[in-house]
Amino acid sequence: MSVADEKTVVRDYFNSTGFDRWRRIYGDGQVNKVQLDIRQGHQQTVDQVLEWLKADGNLPGLSICDAGCGVGSLSIPLAEAGAIVYGSDISEKMVAEAYYRAKDRLNVIQKLSFTAQDLETLQGRYHTVICLDVLIHYPQNQIPEMISHLCALAESRVILSFAPKTLALTILKKVGELFPGPSKTTRAYQHKEANIVKIFSDNGFSIQRQTMIGTSFYYSRLIEAIRNTD
């Protein structure tokens, strides 16, 4: 499948059945046990990123691009902490939901801007570029270009999460595929950590912090890459 076709599949999914599913997961309403587990895993990823950034002590006024912002789960708390946040998502419905969740918080909305835009067409320069739980929707052959573009946008740092490709998780994924359900309409791509690290290295970045976040149904490798200054 071509890059354009892959993006169309993802965009159409998150503007239709995927939007309804993930809006519930990223919300605070009642969901089933699997969705609750995924909600908790994603929130752990968001909380870890916020912990890293707050620990640095320079978050107020920091320019941040949240590429693949979804419903604003990270963008909104970043703005609440004082960062200037540019959130983007391939789904128009996701962006509209993010704006809806932020619009009544005047101290937040003034530091936020949202746009419906795919990752490859993002422009500008930001101190930090963040991309959480996006690469799972794209195959390996498209990842080098995507990460390289994120690096080109970042003055100092890229924070990225992805589903790691390990034997145990590959087996778990295949078992899950034996029991498809109506909400299972997107593919879930895993990526080798060594490949991700090499792409960062090729773009002049080194890994600074990293951690693994896992629940019963959510697995995410979170890494922070810093631009080399030598």
Protein backbone atom coordinates (compact mmCIF):
# COMPACT_ATOMS: atom_id res chain seq x y z
CA MET A 1 0.00 0.00 0.00
CA SER A 2 1.32 3.45 -0.90
CA VAL A 3 1.97 6.23 1.62
CA ALA A 4 -1.07 8.13 0.35
CA ASP A 5 -3.27 5.04 0.69
CA GLU A 6 -2.05 4.36 4.24
CA LYS A 7 -2.82 7.94 5.27
CA THR A 8 -6.27 7.72 3.70
CA VAL A 9 -7.05 4.55 5.66
CA VAL A 10 -5.94 6.17 8.93
CA ARG A 11 -7.75 9.46 8.23
CA ASP A 12 -11.00 7.74 7.26
CA TYR A 13 -10.89 5.48 10.33
CA PHE A 14 -10.35 8.33 12.80
CA ASN A 15 -13.04 10.41 11.15
CA SER A 16 -15.62 7.60 11.48
CA THR A 17 -15.82 4.54 13.75
CA GLY A 18 -12.33 5.11 15.12
CA PHE A 19 -13.24 8.59 16.34
CA ASP A 20 -16.16 7.33 18.42
CA ARG A 21 -14.08 4.52 19.90
CA TRP A 22 -11.00 6.56 20.79
CA ARG A 23 -12.94 9.57 22.04
CA ARG A 24 -14.49 7.23 24.63
CA ILE A 25 -11.15 5.66 25.48
CA TYR A 26 -9.47 9.06 25.92
CA GLY A 27 -12.41 10.42 27.91
CA ASP A 28 -13.64 9.68 31.40
CA GLY A 29 -16.90 7.88 30.65
CA GLN A 30 -17.75 4.23 31.06
CA VAL A 31 -15.91 1.80 28.78
CA ASN A 32 -15.30 -1.94 28.69
CA LYS A 33 -12.38 -3.59 30.50
CA VAL A 34 -10.09 -3.67 27.47
CA GLN A 35 -10.75 -0.03 26.63
CA LEU A 36 -10.23 0.96 30.26
CA ASP A 37 -6.89 -0.84 30.25
CA ILE A 38 -5.82 1.01 27.09
CA ARG A 39 -7.02 4.32 28.59
CA GLN A 40 -4.89 3.72 31.66
CA GLY A 41 -1.84 2.75 29.59
CA HIS A 42 -2.11 5.81 27.37
CA GLN A 43 -2.54 8.04 30.42
CA GLN A 44 0.62 6.56 31.92
CA THR A 45 2.47 7.57 28.74
CA VAL A 46 1.07 11.11 28.91
CA ASP A 47 1.93 11.36 32.61
CA GLN A 48 5.48 10.18 31.99
CA VAL A 49 6.05 12.80 29.30
CA LEU A 50 4.67 15.51 31.58
CA GLU A 51 6.93 14.29 34.40
CA TRP A 52 10.00 14.46 32.18
CA LEU A 53 9.21 17.95 30.92
CA LYS A 54 8.27 19.39 34.31
CA ALA A 55 11.44 17.95 35.84
CA ASP A 56 13.51 20.02 33.38
CA GLY A 57 12.12 23.21 34.96
CA ASN A 58 11.71 25.18 31.73
CA LEU A 59 8.23 24.21 30.53
CA PRO A 60 6.55 27.67 30.81
CA GLY A 61 6.90 29.40 27.43
CA LEU A 62 8.47 26.36 25.75
CA SER A 63 7.34 25.85 22.14
CA ILE A 64 6.01 22.33 21.60
CA CYS A 65 4.57 20.55 18.58
CA ASP A 66 2.19 17.73 19.55
CA ALA A 67 2.08 15.75 16.31
CA GLY A 68 -0.89 13.40 16.39
CA CYS A 69 -2.55 15.24 19.25
CA GLY A 70 -5.79 13.26 19.12
CA VAL A 71 -8.35 14.76 21.49
CA GLY A 72 -5.75 16.87 23.31
CA SER A 73 -4.83 14.45 26.10
CA LEU A 74 -1.27 15.82 26.17
CA SER A 75 -1.68 19.21 24.48
CA ILE A 76 -4.11 20.55 27.07
CA PRO A 77 -2.08 19.71 30.21
CA LEU A 78 1.06 21.04 28.49
CA ALA A 79 -0.70 24.36 27.91
CA GLU A 80 -1.96 24.30 31.50
CA ALA A 81 1.68 24.01 32.57
CA GLY A 82 2.55 27.11 30.54
CA ALA A 83 3.92 25.69 27.27
CA ILE A 84 3.00 27.16 23.89
CA VAL A 85 1.50 24.18 22.10
CA TYR A 86 0.83 23.53 18.41
CA GLY A 87 -1.37 20.43 18.18
CA SER A 88 -2.07 18.64 14.93
CA ASP A 89 -3.87 15.48 13.91
CA ILE A 90 -4.74 13.77 10.64
CA SER A 91 -8.40 13.58 11.77
CA GLU A 92 -10.60 16.64 11.54
CA LYS A 93 -12.95 15.14 14.13
CA MET A 94 -10.13 14.56 16.60
CA VAL A 95 -8.96 18.16 16.25
CA ALA A 96 -12.51 19.45 16.72
CA GLU A 97 -12.85 17.37 19.89
CA ALA A 98 -9.52 18.65 21.21
CA TYR A 99 -10.62 22.24 20.66
CA TYR A 100 -13.97 21.52 22.34
CA ARG A 101 -12.21 20.15 25.43
CA ALA A 102 -9.96 23.22 25.66
CA LYS A 103 -12.17 26.10 24.52
CA ASP A 104 -13.67 27.03 27.90
CA ARG A 105 -10.29 27.24 29.66
CA LEU A 106 -9.16 30.75 28.78
CA ASN A 107 -5.75 30.38 30.38
CA VAL A 108 -5.23 27.25 28.25
CA ILE A 109 -6.77 28.10 24.89
CA GLN A 110 -4.57 31.19 24.58
CA LYS A 111 -1.52 28.92 24.55
CA LEU A 112 -2.98 26.35 22.16
CA SER A 113 -3.57 26.07 18.45
CA PHE A 114 -5.02 23.03 16.72
CA THR A 115 -5.03 22.05 13.06
CA ALA A 116 -6.08 19.04 10.99
CA GLN A 117 -2.89 18.12 9.17
CA ASP A 118 -0.92 14.96 8.45
CA LEU A 119 2.50 14.58 10.00
CA GLU A 120 4.49 14.84 6.78
CA THR A 121 3.18 18.31 5.92
CA LEU A 122 3.89 19.89 9.31
CA GLN A 123 6.11 22.97 9.13
CA GLY A 124 7.86 25.32 11.53
CA ARG A 125 10.48 25.00 14.25
CA TYR A 126 9.74 24.02 17.83
CA HIS A 127 11.93 23.46 20.86
CA THR A 128 10.32 20.05 21.40
CA VAL A 129 8.38 17.79 19.07
CA ILE A 130 6.23 15.04 20.59
CA CYS A 131 4.56 12.17 18.75
CA LEU A 132 2.72 9.63 20.90
CA ASP A 133 0.98 6.44 19.77
CA VAL A 134 1.06 7.39 16.08
CA LEU A 135 3.64 5.04 14.56
CA ILE A 136 1.49 2.04 15.43
CA HIS A 137 -0.70 2.98 12.46
CA TYR A 138 2.12 2.94 9.87
CA PRO A 139 4.39 0.18 8.46
CA GLN A 140 8.16 0.13 8.87
CA ASN A 141 8.97 1.38 5.38
CA GLN A 142 7.28 4.72 6.14
CA ILE A 143 8.85 5.28 9.56
CA PRO A 144 12.29 6.66 8.53
CA GLU A 145 10.75 9.53 6.58
CA MET A 146 8.23 10.28 9.32
CA ILE A 147 10.82 10.41 12.12
CA SER A 148 13.27 12.35 9.96
CA HIS A 149 10.61 14.98 9.37
CA LEU A 150 9.90 15.23 13.10
CA CYS A 151 13.63 15.72 13.69
CA ALA A 152 13.73 18.52 11.12
CA LEU A 153 11.01 20.36 13.07
CA ALA A 154 12.79 20.05 16.43
CA GLU A 155 15.36 22.56 17.61
CA SER A 156 16.31 20.49 20.64
CA ARG A 157 14.28 17.36 21.31
CA VAL A 158 11.90 14.71 19.96
CA ILE A 159 9.80 12.53 22.28
CA LEU A 160 8.33 9.50 20.59
CA SER A 161 6.35 6.40 21.54
CA PHE A 162 5.89 3.22 19.55
CA ALA A 163 4.79 -0.38 19.97
CA PRO A 164 8.05 -2.35 20.32
CA LYS A 165 8.57 -5.43 18.18
CA THR A 166 9.47 -8.24 20.57
CA LEU A 167 8.75 -11.96 20.40
CA ALA A 168 6.34 -11.87 23.33
CA LEU A 169 4.34 -8.92 22.00
CA THR A 170 4.29 -10.37 18.48
CA ILE A 171 2.77 -13.59 19.85
CA LEU A 172 0.25 -11.60 21.90
CA LYS A 173 -0.74 -9.59 18.84
CA LYS A 174 -1.26 -12.73 16.75
CA VAL A 175 -3.41 -14.29 19.47
CA GLY A 176 -5.52 -11.15 19.54
CA GLU A 177 -5.99 -11.33 15.79
CA LEU A 178 -7.68 -14.72 16.19
CA PHE A 179 -10.58 -12.99 17.96
CA PRO A 180 -11.49 -9.97 15.82
CA GLY A 181 -14.23 -7.68 17.02
CA PRO A 182 -16.19 -4.84 15.41
CA SER A 183 -13.92 -2.21 16.98
CA LYS A 184 -10.80 -3.83 15.56
CA THR A 185 -10.63 -1.96 12.28
CA THR A 186 -7.07 -0.68 12.18
CA ARG A 187 -3.82 -2.55 11.87
CA ALA A 188 -1.28 -2.33 14.66
CA TYR A 189 2.32 -2.13 13.47
CA GLN A 190 5.21 -2.95 15.78
CA HIS A 191 8.68 -1.47 15.28
CA LYS A 192 12.14 -2.60 16.31
CA GLU A 193 13.72 -0.25 18.81
CA ALA A 194 17.15 -0.59 17.17
CA ASN A 195 15.69 0.72 13.91
CA ILE A 196 14.11 3.72 15.64
CA VAL A 197 17.36 4.55 17.46
CA LYS A 198 19.33 4.34 14.19
CA ILE A 199 16.95 6.76 12.46
CA PHE A 200 17.47 9.25 15.27
CA SER A 201 21.24 8.78 15.08
CA ASP A 202 21.20 9.32 11.31
CA ASN A 203 19.43 12.64 11.94
CA GLY A 204 21.92 13.81 14.57
CA PHE A 205 20.02 12.86 17.73
CA SER A 206 21.00 10.76 20.76
CA ILE A 207 18.72 8.96 23.18
CA GLN A 208 18.49 10.77 26.53
CA ARG A 209 15.67 9.13 28.48
CA GLN A 210 13.58 6.05 27.81
CA THR A 211 11.09 3.80 29.51
CA MET A 212 8.64 1.00 28.81
CA ILE A 213 4.99 1.38 29.66
CA GLY A 214 2.80 -1.67 29.66
CA THR A 215 -0.62 -2.81 30.84
CA SER A 216 -2.55 -5.91 29.82
CA PHE A 217 -3.47 -4.53 26.39
CA TYR A 218 -1.26 -1.45 25.96
CA TYR A 219 2.48 -1.59 25.30
CA SER A 220 4.52 1.46 24.45
CA ARG A 221 8.22 2.23 24.31
CA LEU A 222 8.76 5.90 25.14
CA ILE A 223 12.04 7.57 24.18
CA GLU A 224 13.43 11.08 24.30
CA ALA A 225 16.01 11.98 21.67
CA ILE A 226 18.17 15.10 22.02
CA ARG A 227 19.81 16.93 19.13
CA ASN A 228 23.60 16.57 19.20
CA THR A 229 25.40 19.87 19.65
CA ASP A 230 28.93 18.77 18.63
